């Protein structure tokens, strides 16, 4: 899966499931400002959607670019 496909899936999740409308207008390097509950929701989404296993040492998700890198690294 290429970066554009991953980005679109992440953005759709943020828009549809987390109701983060600001995602429409941010760059991949803008800070997402996810609270602790949203961090958990993102972790579950990534593990289920991309069939990856994230350990407890994974840093908090801050940008879409960072999320894409985490997916590629797992």
PDB file of N, CA and C in Angstrom:
ATOM      1  N   UNK A   1       0.846  -1.173   0.000  1.00  0.00           N
ATOM      2  CA  UNK A   1       0.000   0.000   0.000  1.00  0.00           C
ATOM      3  C   UNK A   1       0.896   1.243   0.000  1.00  0.00           C
ATOM      4  N   UNK A   2       0.580   2.207  -0.849  1.00  0.00           N
ATOM      5  CA  UNK A   2       1.434   3.390  -0.911  1.00  0.00           C
ATOM      6  C   UNK A   2       0.999   4.449   0.108  1.00  0.00           C
ATOM      7  N   UNK A   3       1.834   5.463   0.258  1.00  0.00           N
ATOM      8  CA  UNK A   3       1.587   6.497   1.265  1.00  0.00           C
ATOM      9  C   UNK A   3       0.267   7.233   1.054  1.00  0.00           C
ATOM     10  N   UNK A   4      -0.114   7.458  -0.186  1.00  0.00           N
ATOM     11  CA  UNK A   4      -1.369   8.161  -0.464  1.00  0.00           C
ATOM     12  C   UNK A   4      -2.579   7.354  -0.002  1.00  0.00           C
ATOM     13  N   UNK A   5      -2.535   6.057  -0.204  1.00  0.00           N
ATOM     14  CA  UNK A   5      -3.634   5.200   0.239  1.00  0.00           C
ATOM     15  C   UNK A   5      -3.710   5.172   1.768  1.00  0.00           C
ATOM     16  N   UNK A   6      -2.557   5.055   2.399  1.00  0.00           N
ATOM     17  CA  UNK A   6      -2.525   5.057   3.862  1.00  0.00           C
ATOM     18  C   UNK A   6      -3.047   6.393   4.387  1.00  0.00           C
ATOM     19  N   UNK A   7      -2.556   7.472   3.818  1.00  0.00           N
ATOM     20  CA  UNK A   7      -3.002   8.804   4.242  1.00  0.00           C
ATOM     21  C   UNK A   7      -4.514   8.938   4.125  1.00  0.00           C
ATOM     22  N   UNK A   8      -5.074   8.490   3.028  1.00  0.00           N
ATOM     23  CA  UNK A   8      -6.516   8.612   2.828  1.00  0.00           C
ATOM     24  C   UNK A   8      -7.296   7.807   3.858  1.00  0.00           C
ATOM     25  N   UNK A   9      -6.835   6.609   4.161  1.00  0.00           N
ATOM     26  CA  UNK A   9      -7.513   5.792   5.169  1.00  0.00           C
ATOM     27  C   UNK A   9      -7.449   6.446   6.540  1.00  0.00           C
ATOM     28  N   UNK A  10      -6.295   6.989   6.893  1.00  0.00           N
ATOM     29  CA  UNK A  10      -6.140   7.661   8.188  1.00  0.00           C
ATOM     30  C   UNK A  10      -7.025   8.898   8.244  1.00  0.00           C
ATOM     31  N   UNK A  11      -7.004   9.693   7.195  1.00  0.00           N
ATOM     32  CA  UNK A  11      -7.846  10.896   7.164  1.00  0.00           C
ATOM     33  C   UNK A  11      -9.332  10.537   7.247  1.00  0.00           C
ATOM     34  N   UNK A  12      -9.745   9.520   6.521  1.00  0.00           N
ATOM     35  CA  UNK A  12     -11.146   9.101   6.571  1.00  0.00           C
ATOM     36  C   UNK A  12     -11.535   8.655   7.969  1.00  0.00           C
ATOM     37  N   UNK A  13     -10.644   7.923   8.630  1.00  0.00           N
ATOM     38  CA  UNK A  13     -10.921   7.502   9.998  1.00  0.00           C
ATOM     39  C   UNK A  13     -11.062   8.719  10.913  1.00  0.00           C
ATOM     40  N   UNK A  14     -10.159   9.659  10.801  1.00  0.00           N
ATOM     41  CA  UNK A  14     -10.222  10.858  11.640  1.00  0.00           C
ATOM     42  C   UNK A  14     -11.498  11.650  11.383  1.00  0.00           C
ATOM     43  N   UNK A  15     -11.899  11.741  10.140  1.00  0.00           N
ATOM     44  CA  UNK A  15     -13.118  12.475   9.791  1.00  0.00           C
ATOM     45  C   UNK A  15     -14.384  11.736  10.213  1.00  0.00           C
ATOM     46  N   UNK A  16     -14.463  10.476   9.849  1.00  0.00           N
ATOM     47  CA  UNK A  16     -15.693   9.715  10.036  1.00  0.00           C
ATOM     48  C   UNK A  16     -15.895   9.203  11.462  1.00  0.00           C
ATOM     49  N   UNK A  17     -14.835   8.723  12.069  1.00  0.00           N
ATOM     50  CA  UNK A  17     -14.964   8.094  13.380  1.00  0.00           C
ATOM     51  C   UNK A  17     -14.660   9.033  14.543  1.00  0.00           C
ATOM     52  N   UNK A  18     -13.751   9.955  14.339  1.00  0.00           N
ATOM     53  CA  UNK A  18     -13.366  10.857  15.426  1.00  0.00           C
ATOM     54  C   UNK A  18     -13.960  12.252  15.267  1.00  0.00           C
ATOM     55  N   UNK A  19     -14.656  12.469  14.162  1.00  0.00           N
ATOM     56  CA  UNK A  19     -15.296  13.762  13.899  1.00  0.00           C
ATOM     57  C   UNK A  19     -14.299  14.916  13.957  1.00  0.00           C
ATOM     58  N   UNK A  20     -13.132  14.687  13.397  1.00  0.00           N
ATOM     59  CA  UNK A  20     -12.077  15.707  13.365  1.00  0.00           C
ATOM     60  C   UNK A  20     -12.145  16.441  12.022  1.00  0.00           C
ATOM     61  N   UNK A  21     -13.068  17.377  11.900  1.00  0.00           N
ATOM     62  CA  UNK A  21     -13.266  18.090  10.638  1.00  0.00           C
ATOM     63  C   UNK A  21     -12.054  18.896  10.207  1.00  0.00           C
ATOM     64  N   UNK A  22     -11.230  19.320  11.167  1.00  0.00           N
ATOM     65  CA  UNK A  22     -10.052  20.110  10.809  1.00  0.00           C
ATOM     66  C   UNK A  22      -9.056  19.333   9.959  1.00  0.00           C
ATOM     67  N   UNK A  23      -9.199  18.002   9.929  1.00  0.00           N
ATOM     68  CA  UNK A  23      -8.298  17.153   9.140  1.00  0.00           C
ATOM     69  C   UNK A  23      -8.406  17.484   7.655  1.00  0.00           C
ATOM     70  N   UNK A  24      -9.525  18.032   7.240  1.00  0.00           N
ATOM     71  CA  UNK A  24      -9.712  18.384   5.832  1.00  0.00           C
ATOM     72  C   UNK A  24      -8.691  19.415   5.367  1.00  0.00           C
ATOM     73  N   UNK A  25      -8.243  20.260   6.277  1.00  0.00           N
ATOM     74  CA  UNK A  25      -7.418  21.399   5.888  1.00  0.00           C
ATOM     75  C   UNK A  25      -6.000  21.383   6.449  1.00  0.00           C
ATOM     76  N   UNK A  26      -5.582  20.284   7.041  1.00  0.00           N
ATOM     77  CA  UNK A  26      -4.236  20.258   7.609  1.00  0.00           C
ATOM     78  C   UNK A  26      -3.272  19.522   6.694  1.00  0.00           C
ATOM     79  N   UNK A  27      -2.009  19.846   6.856  1.00  0.00           N
ATOM     80  CA  UNK A  27      -0.978  19.121   6.108  1.00  0.00           C
ATOM     81  C   UNK A  27      -0.623  17.855   6.876  1.00  0.00           C
ATOM     82  N   UNK A  28       0.144  17.012   6.249  1.00  0.00           N
ATOM     83  CA  UNK A  28       0.543  15.760   6.900  1.00  0.00           C
ATOM     84  C   UNK A  28       1.475  15.987   8.075  1.00  0.00           C
ATOM     85  N   UNK A  29       2.053  17.173   8.175  1.00  0.00           N
ATOM     86  CA  UNK A  29       2.993  17.460   9.257  1.00  0.00           C
ATOM     87  C   UNK A  29       2.410  18.343  10.351  1.00  0.00           C
ATOM     88  N   UNK A  30       1.155  18.723  10.229  1.00  0.00           N
ATOM     89  CA  UNK A  30       0.503  19.493  11.285  1.00  0.00           C
ATOM     90  C   UNK A  30       0.169  18.577  12.457  1.00  0.00           C
ATOM     91  N   UNK A  31       0.215  19.119  13.650  1.00  0.00           N
ATOM     92  CA  UNK A  31      -0.076  18.357  14.868  1.00  0.00           C
ATOM     93  C   UNK A  31      -1.571  18.036  14.929  1.00  0.00           C
ATOM     94  N   UNK A  32      -1.893  16.780  15.236  1.00  0.00           N
ATOM     95  CA  UNK A  32      -3.284  16.318  15.259  1.00  0.00           C
ATOM     96  C   UNK A  32      -4.026  16.647  16.552  1.00  0.00           C
ATOM     97  N   UNK A  33      -3.314  16.818  17.656  1.00  0.00           N
ATOM     98  CA  UNK A  33      -3.946  17.139  18.943  1.00  0.00           C
ATOM     99  C   UNK A  33      -4.960  16.072  19.380  1.00  0.00           C
ATOM    100  N   UNK A  34      -4.533  14.825  19.427  1.00  0.00           N
ATOM    101  CA  UNK A  34      -5.391  13.726  19.864  1.00  0.00           C
ATOM    102  C   UNK A  34      -5.264  13.555  21.368  1.00  0.00           C
ATOM    103  N   UNK A  35      -6.405  13.495  22.050  1.00  0.00           N
ATOM    104  CA  UNK A  35      -6.359  13.261  23.494  1.00  0.00           C
ATOM    105  C   UNK A  35      -6.103  11.778  23.767  1.00  0.00           C
ATOM    106  N   UNK A  36      -6.062  11.385  25.021  1.00  0.00           N
ATOM    107  CA  UNK A  36      -5.682  10.008  25.374  1.00  0.00           C
ATOM    108  C   UNK A  36      -6.673   8.972  24.833  1.00  0.00           C
ATOM    109  N   UNK A  37      -7.946   9.271  24.866  1.00  0.00           N
ATOM    110  CA  UNK A  37      -8.951   8.342  24.331  1.00  0.00           C
ATOM    111  C   UNK A  37      -8.783   8.212  22.817  1.00  0.00           C
ATOM    112  N   UNK A  38      -8.567   9.313  22.158  1.00  0.00           N
ATOM    113  CA  UNK A  38      -8.371   9.293  20.707  1.00  0.00           C
ATOM    114  C   UNK A  38      -7.089   8.558  20.331  1.00  0.00           C
ATOM    115  N   UNK A  39      -6.074   8.644  21.180  1.00  0.00           N
ATOM    116  CA  UNK A  39      -4.838   7.895  20.940  1.00  0.00           C
ATOM    117  C   UNK A  39      -5.126   6.390  20.944  1.00  0.00           C
ATOM    118  N   UNK A  40      -5.927   5.962  21.890  1.00  0.00           N
ATOM    119  CA  UNK A  40      -6.289   4.539  21.974  1.00  0.00           C
ATOM    120  C   UNK A  40      -7.113   4.143  20.756  1.00  0.00           C
ATOM    121  N   UNK A  41      -8.070   4.973  20.381  1.00  0.00           N
ATOM    122  CA  UNK A  41      -8.890   4.683  19.202  1.00  0.00           C
ATOM    123  C   UNK A  41      -8.027   4.579  17.945  1.00  0.00           C
ATOM    124  N   UNK A  42      -7.057   5.462  17.813  1.00  0.00           N
ATOM    125  CA  UNK A  42      -6.166   5.425  16.658  1.00  0.00           C
ATOM    126  C   UNK A  42      -5.334   4.151  16.672  1.00  0.00           C
ATOM    127  N   UNK A  43      -4.832   3.774  17.822  1.00  0.00           N
ATOM    128  CA  UNK A  43      -4.045   2.537  17.961  1.00  0.00           C
ATOM    129  C   UNK A  43      -4.865   1.334  17.507  1.00  0.00           C
ATOM    130  N   UNK A  44      -6.096   1.223  17.978  1.00  0.00           N
ATOM    131  CA  UNK A  44      -6.962   0.097  17.610  1.00  0.00           C
ATOM    132  C   UNK A  44      -7.237   0.115  16.108  1.00  0.00           C
ATOM    133  N   UNK A  45      -7.543   1.275  15.572  1.00  0.00           N
ATOM    134  CA  UNK A  45      -7.776   1.400  14.131  1.00  0.00           C
ATOM    135  C   UNK A  45      -6.569   0.920  13.337  1.00  0.00           C
ATOM    136  N   UNK A  46      -5.381   1.400  13.684  1.00  0.00           N
ATOM    137  CA  UNK A  46      -4.176   1.030  12.941  1.00  0.00           C
ATOM    138  C   UNK A  46      -3.900  -0.462  13.022  1.00  0.00           C
ATOM    139  N   UNK A  47      -4.067  -1.026  14.197  1.00  0.00           N
ATOM    140  CA  UNK A  47      -3.820  -2.464  14.353  1.00  0.00           C
ATOM    141  C   UNK A  47      -4.804  -3.285  13.532  1.00  0.00           C
ATOM    142  N   UNK A  48      -6.061  -2.882  13.531  1.00  0.00           N
ATOM    143  CA  UNK A  48      -7.076  -3.633  12.782  1.00  0.00           C
ATOM    144  C   UNK A  48      -6.991  -3.376  11.283  1.00  0.00           C
ATOM    145  N   UNK A  49      -6.861  -2.150  10.890  1.00  0.00           N
ATOM    146  CA  UNK A  49      -6.893  -1.780   9.467  1.00  0.00           C
ATOM    147  C   UNK A  49      -5.638  -2.225   8.715  1.00  0.00           C
ATOM    148  N   UNK A  50      -4.491  -2.146   9.376  1.00  0.00           N
ATOM    149  CA  UNK A  50      -3.231  -2.418   8.692  1.00  0.00           C
ATOM    150  C   UNK A  50      -2.551  -3.692   9.185  1.00  0.00           C
ATOM    151  N   UNK A  51      -3.243  -4.452  10.012  1.00  0.00           N
ATOM    152  CA  UNK A  51      -2.728  -5.736  10.516  1.00  0.00           C
ATOM    153  C   UNK A  51      -1.323  -5.606  11.094  1.00  0.00           C
ATOM    154  N   UNK A  52      -1.168  -4.612  11.956  1.00  0.00           N
ATOM    155  CA  UNK A  52       0.115  -4.410  12.620  1.00  0.00           C
ATOM    156  C   UNK A  52      -0.074  -4.570  14.123  1.00  0.00           C
ATOM    157  N   UNK A  53       1.029  -4.779  14.811  1.00  0.00           N
ATOM    158  CA  UNK A  53       1.003  -4.873  16.266  1.00  0.00           C
ATOM    159  C   UNK A  53       1.867  -3.744  16.804  1.00  0.00           C
ATOM    160  N   UNK A  54       1.251  -2.887  17.596  1.00  0.00           N
ATOM    161  CA  UNK A  54       1.977  -1.770  18.188  1.00  0.00           C
ATOM    162  C   UNK A  54       2.264  -2.093  19.645  1.00  0.00           C
ATOM    163  N   UNK A  55       3.504  -1.920  20.037  1.00  0.00           N
ATOM    164  CA  UNK A  55       3.826  -2.184  21.436  1.00  0.00           C
ATOM    165  C   UNK A  55       3.479  -0.962  22.280  1.00  0.00           C
ATOM    166  N   UNK A  56       3.563  -1.119  23.561  1.00  0.00           N
ATOM    167  CA  UNK A  56       3.209  -0.032  24.479  1.00  0.00           C
ATOM    168  C   UNK A  56       4.217   1.103  24.456  1.00  0.00           C
ATOM    169  N   UNK A  57       5.344   0.886  23.813  1.00  0.00           N
ATOM    170  CA  UNK A  57       6.376   1.917  23.738  1.00  0.00           C
ATOM    171  C   UNK A  57       6.181   2.859  22.559  1.00  0.00           C
ATOM    172  N   UNK A  58       5.200   2.595  21.719  1.00  0.00           N
ATOM    173  CA  UNK A  58       4.946   3.466  20.578  1.00  0.00           C
ATOM    174  C   UNK A  58       4.601   4.864  21.085  1.00  0.00           C
ATOM    175  N   UNK A  59       5.247   5.849  20.506  1.00  0.00           N
ATOM    176  CA  UNK A  59       5.012   7.236  20.906  1.00  0.00           C
ATOM    177  C   UNK A  59       3.578   7.642  20.577  1.00  0.00           C
ATOM    178  N   UNK A  60       3.078   8.674  21.255  1.00  0.00           N
ATOM    179  CA  UNK A  60       1.740   9.172  20.901  1.00  0.00           C
ATOM    180  C   UNK A  60       1.707   9.615  19.441  1.00  0.00           C
ATOM    181  N   UNK A  61       0.579   9.440  18.813  1.00  0.00           N
ATOM    182  CA  UNK A  61       0.421   9.814  17.412  1.00  0.00           C
ATOM    183  C   UNK A  61       0.268  11.330  17.330  1.00  0.00           C
ATOM    184  N   UNK A  62       1.150  11.965  16.566  1.00  0.00           N
ATOM    185  CA  UNK A  62       1.114  13.426  16.510  1.00  0.00           C
ATOM    186  C   UNK A  62       0.807  13.983  15.129  1.00  0.00           C
ATOM    187  N   UNK A  63       1.284  13.327  14.078  1.00  0.00           N
ATOM    188  CA  UNK A  63       1.044  13.812  12.712  1.00  0.00           C
ATOM    189  C   UNK A  63       0.681  12.637  11.804  1.00  0.00           C
ATOM    190  N   UNK A  64       0.108  12.950  10.686  1.00  0.00           N
ATOM    191  CA  UNK A  64      -0.206  11.912   9.709  1.00  0.00           C
ATOM    192  C   UNK A  64       1.084  11.312   9.156  1.00  0.00           C
ATOM    193  N   UNK A  65       2.094  12.132   8.944  1.00  0.00           N
ATOM    194  CA  UNK A  65       3.386  11.629   8.476  1.00  0.00           C
ATOM    195  C   UNK A  65       3.949  10.601   9.453  1.00  0.00           C
ATOM    196  N   UNK A  66       3.882  10.895  10.730  1.00  0.00           N
ATOM    197  CA  UNK A  66       4.372   9.966  11.751  1.00  0.00           C
ATOM    198  C   UNK A  66       3.581   8.662  11.723  1.00  0.00           C
ATOM    199  N   UNK A  67       2.279   8.737  11.566  1.00  0.00           N
ATOM    200  CA  UNK A  67       1.442   7.538  11.516  1.00  0.00           C
ATOM    201  C   UNK A  67       1.820   6.677  10.305  1.00  0.00           C
ATOM    202  N   UNK A  68       2.040   7.309   9.161  1.00  0.00           N
ATOM    203  CA  UNK A  68       2.455   6.574   7.965  1.00  0.00           C
ATOM    204  C   UNK A  68       3.772   5.856   8.211  1.00  0.00           C
ATOM    205  N   UNK A  69       4.714   6.527   8.855  1.00  0.00           N
ATOM    206  CA  UNK A  69       6.007   5.902   9.164  1.00  0.00           C
ATOM    207  C   UNK A  69       5.854   4.713  10.108  1.00  0.00           C
ATOM    208  N   UNK A  70       4.999   4.846  11.089  1.00  0.00           N
ATOM    209  CA  UNK A  70       4.763   3.751  12.034  1.00  0.00           C
ATOM    210  C   UNK A  70       4.208   2.534  11.290  1.00  0.00           C
ATOM    211  N   UNK A  71       3.283   2.758  10.377  1.00  0.00           N
ATOM    212  CA  UNK A  71       2.698   1.662   9.605  1.00  0.00           C
ATOM    213  C   UNK A  71       3.774   0.966   8.771  1.00  0.00           C
ATOM    214  N   UNK A  72       4.614   1.742   8.113  1.00  0.00           N
ATOM    215  CA  UNK A  72       5.671   1.154   7.291  1.00  0.00           C
ATOM    216  C   UNK A  72       6.703   0.395   8.127  1.00  0.00           C
ATOM    217  N   UNK A  73       6.904   0.826   9.349  1.00  0.00           N
ATOM    218  CA  UNK A  73       7.905   0.200  10.215  1.00  0.00           C
ATOM    219  C   UNK A  73       7.406  -1.060  10.917  1.00  0.00           C
ATOM    220  N   UNK A  74       6.134  -1.358  10.782  1.00  0.00           N
ATOM    221  CA  UNK A  74       5.557  -2.523  11.482  1.00  0.00           C
ATOM    222  C   UNK A  74       5.094  -3.555  10.524  1.00  0.00           C
TER     223      UNK A  74
END
